[in-house]
Amino acid sequence: MAIKGNVFDVSSAKDFYGKGGSYEVFAGKDCTRAIALWTKNPSDVKADISDLNKDQLEQLDTIYNTLYKVKYKIVGVMDYSKGIQSEL
């Protein structure tokens, strides 16, 4: 899964992110928006955060820095040179 352009290896938490897991909707996708909004709504599982407000962006930074960067290894970077993409 990716957040803020960084791809995280969440394979150590396959019970959550794998098939049938409570966060499986995030697997293989850039889910920056969903993380910022703290939702699992499939329509929010995308990189675009252009319409989020200051509080939502601050929440994104907090979750990104205190959970994902601490718990999971960054294994890649998204290439958005051809526009925003959701699928990894």
C-alpha atoms as a PDB file:
ATOM      1  CA  MET A   1       0.000   0.000   0.000  1.00  0.00           C
ATOM      2  CA  ALA A   2       1.128   3.570  -0.549  1.00  0.00           C
ATOM      3  CA  ILE A   3       0.664   6.746   1.464  1.00  0.00           C
ATOM      4  CA  LYS A   4       1.952  10.160   0.415  1.00  0.00           C
ATOM      5  CA  GLY A   5       3.793   8.602  -2.509  1.00  0.00           C
ATOM      6  CA  ASN A   6       5.698   6.059  -0.409  1.00  0.00           C
ATOM      7  CA  VAL A   7       5.042   2.348  -0.828  1.00  0.00           C
ATOM      8  CA  PHE A   8       4.935   0.432   2.451  1.00  0.00           C
ATOM      9  CA  ASP A   9       5.503  -3.287   2.909  1.00  0.00           C
ATOM     10  CA  VAL A  10       2.518  -4.298   5.036  1.00  0.00           C
ATOM     11  CA  SER A  11       3.005  -8.029   4.470  1.00  0.00           C
ATOM     12  CA  SER A  12       3.783  -8.494   8.175  1.00  0.00           C
ATOM     13  CA  ALA A  13       0.168  -7.513   8.826  1.00  0.00           C
ATOM     14  CA  LYS A  14      -1.459  -9.759   6.240  1.00  0.00           C
ATOM     15  CA  ASP A  15      -4.277 -10.532   8.693  1.00  0.00           C
ATOM     16  CA  PHE A  16      -5.298  -6.875   8.305  1.00  0.00           C
ATOM     17  CA  TYR A  17      -4.259  -6.050   4.724  1.00  0.00           C
ATOM     18  CA  GLY A  18      -4.581  -9.485   3.102  1.00  0.00           C
ATOM     19  CA  LYS A  19      -7.623 -11.155   1.595  1.00  0.00           C
ATOM     20  CA  GLY A  20     -10.482 -11.029   4.059  1.00  0.00           C
ATOM     21  CA  GLY A  21      -8.657  -8.584   6.326  1.00  0.00           C
ATOM     22  CA  SER A  22     -10.351  -5.490   7.666  1.00  0.00           C
ATOM     23  CA  TYR A  23      -8.063  -3.241   5.573  1.00  0.00           C
ATOM     24  CA  GLU A  24      -7.802  -5.365   2.429  1.00  0.00           C
ATOM     25  CA  VAL A  25      -9.246  -2.460   0.419  1.00  0.00           C
ATOM     26  CA  PHE A  26      -5.843  -0.721   0.865  1.00  0.00           C
ATOM     27  CA  ALA A  27      -3.693  -3.554  -0.499  1.00  0.00           C
ATOM     28  CA  GLY A  28      -1.943  -2.672  -3.736  1.00  0.00           C
ATOM     29  CA  LYS A  29      -3.290   0.869  -3.831  1.00  0.00           C
ATOM     30  CA  ASP A  30      -2.344   4.416  -2.918  1.00  0.00           C
ATOM     31  CA  CYS A  31      -4.676   5.098  -0.017  1.00  0.00           C
ATOM     32  CA  THR A  32      -3.490   8.541   1.058  1.00  0.00           C
ATOM     33  CA  ARG A  33      -6.975  10.061   0.967  1.00  0.00           C
ATOM     34  CA  ALA A  34      -8.577   7.193   2.894  1.00  0.00           C
ATOM     35  CA  ILE A  35      -5.919   7.430   5.598  1.00  0.00           C
ATOM     36  CA  ALA A  36      -6.443  11.188   5.897  1.00  0.00           C
ATOM     37  CA  LEU A  37     -10.197  10.699   6.258  1.00  0.00           C
ATOM     38  CA  TRP A  38      -9.822   7.567   8.396  1.00  0.00           C
ATOM     39  CA  THR A  39     -12.168   5.619   6.147  1.00  0.00           C
ATOM     40  CA  LYS A  40     -12.193   2.332   4.269  1.00  0.00           C
ATOM     41  CA  ASN A  41     -14.644   3.568   1.663  1.00  0.00           C
ATOM     42  CA  PRO A  42     -13.305   2.235  -1.676  1.00  0.00           C
ATOM     43  CA  SER A  43     -14.063   5.550  -3.402  1.00  0.00           C
ATOM     44  CA  ASP A  44     -11.628   7.273  -1.019  1.00  0.00           C
ATOM     45  CA  VAL A  45      -8.775   4.835  -1.668  1.00  0.00           C
ATOM     46  CA  LYS A  46      -6.717   7.117  -3.904  1.00  0.00           C
ATOM     47  CA  ALA A  47      -3.820   9.539  -3.828  1.00  0.00           C
ATOM     48  CA  ASP A  48      -5.712  12.756  -4.513  1.00  0.00           C
ATOM     49  CA  ILE A  49      -5.918  14.939  -1.391  1.00  0.00           C
ATOM     50  CA  SER A  50      -6.268  18.270  -3.180  1.00  0.00           C
ATOM     51  CA  ASP A  51      -9.622  19.085  -1.594  1.00  0.00           C
ATOM     52  CA  LEU A  52      -8.804  18.163   2.014  1.00  0.00           C
ATOM     53  CA  ASN A  53      -8.807  20.788   4.734  1.00  0.00           C
ATOM     54  CA  LYS A  54      -6.015  21.659   7.162  1.00  0.00           C
ATOM     55  CA  ASP A  55      -7.306  19.362   9.925  1.00  0.00           C
ATOM     56  CA  GLN A  56      -7.567  16.405   7.564  1.00  0.00           C
ATOM     57  CA  LEU A  57      -4.037  17.005   6.256  1.00  0.00           C
ATOM     58  CA  GLU A  58      -2.724  17.233   9.816  1.00  0.00           C
ATOM     59  CA  GLN A  59      -4.453  13.960  10.666  1.00  0.00           C
ATOM     60  CA  LEU A  60      -2.830  12.380   7.604  1.00  0.00           C
ATOM     61  CA  ASP A  61       0.621  13.547   8.730  1.00  0.00           C
ATOM     62  CA  THR A  62       0.050  12.261  12.254  1.00  0.00           C
ATOM     63  CA  ILE A  63      -1.071   8.797  11.144  1.00  0.00           C
ATOM     64  CA  TYR A  64       1.672   8.625   8.510  1.00  0.00           C
ATOM     65  CA  ASN A  65       4.456   9.596  10.933  1.00  0.00           C
ATOM     66  CA  THR A  66       3.325   7.847  14.110  1.00  0.00           C
ATOM     67  CA  LEU A  67       1.933   4.634  12.671  1.00  0.00           C
ATOM     68  CA  TYR A  68       3.016   3.767   9.151  1.00  0.00           C
ATOM     69  CA  LYS A  69       6.578   5.138   9.147  1.00  0.00           C
ATOM     70  CA  VAL A  70       7.195   3.562  12.551  1.00  0.00           C
ATOM     71  CA  LYS A  71       5.617   0.166  11.911  1.00  0.00           C
ATOM     72  CA  TYR A  72       6.263  -0.576   8.220  1.00  0.00           C
ATOM     73  CA  LYS A  73       9.259  -0.390   5.921  1.00  0.00           C
ATOM     74  CA  ILE A  74       9.150   1.909   2.886  1.00  0.00           C
ATOM     75  CA  VAL A  75      10.006  -0.245  -0.110  1.00  0.00           C
ATOM     76  CA  GLY A  76       9.352   2.104  -3.003  1.00  0.00           C
ATOM     77  CA  VAL A  77       8.098   5.419  -4.272  1.00  0.00           C
ATOM     78  CA  MET A  78       5.134   6.035  -6.545  1.00  0.00           C
ATOM     79  CA  ASP A  79       5.762   7.572  -9.950  1.00  0.00           C
ATOM     80  CA  TYR A  80       3.025  10.119 -10.573  1.00  0.00           C
ATOM     81  CA  SER A  81       4.661  11.607 -13.672  1.00  0.00           C
ATOM     82  CA  LYS A  82       1.696  10.488 -15.784  1.00  0.00           C
ATOM     83  CA  GLY A  83      -0.930  11.813 -13.373  1.00  0.00           C
ATOM     84  CA  ILE A  84      -2.407  10.543 -10.160  1.00  0.00           C
ATOM     85  CA  GLN A  85      -2.718   6.796 -10.032  1.00  0.00           C
ATOM     86  CA  SER A  86      -4.488   4.615  -7.486  1.00  0.00           C
ATOM     87  CA  GLU A  87      -3.187   1.160  -8.319  1.00  0.00           C
ATOM     88  CA  LEU A  88       0.345   0.089  -7.381  1.00  0.00           C
END
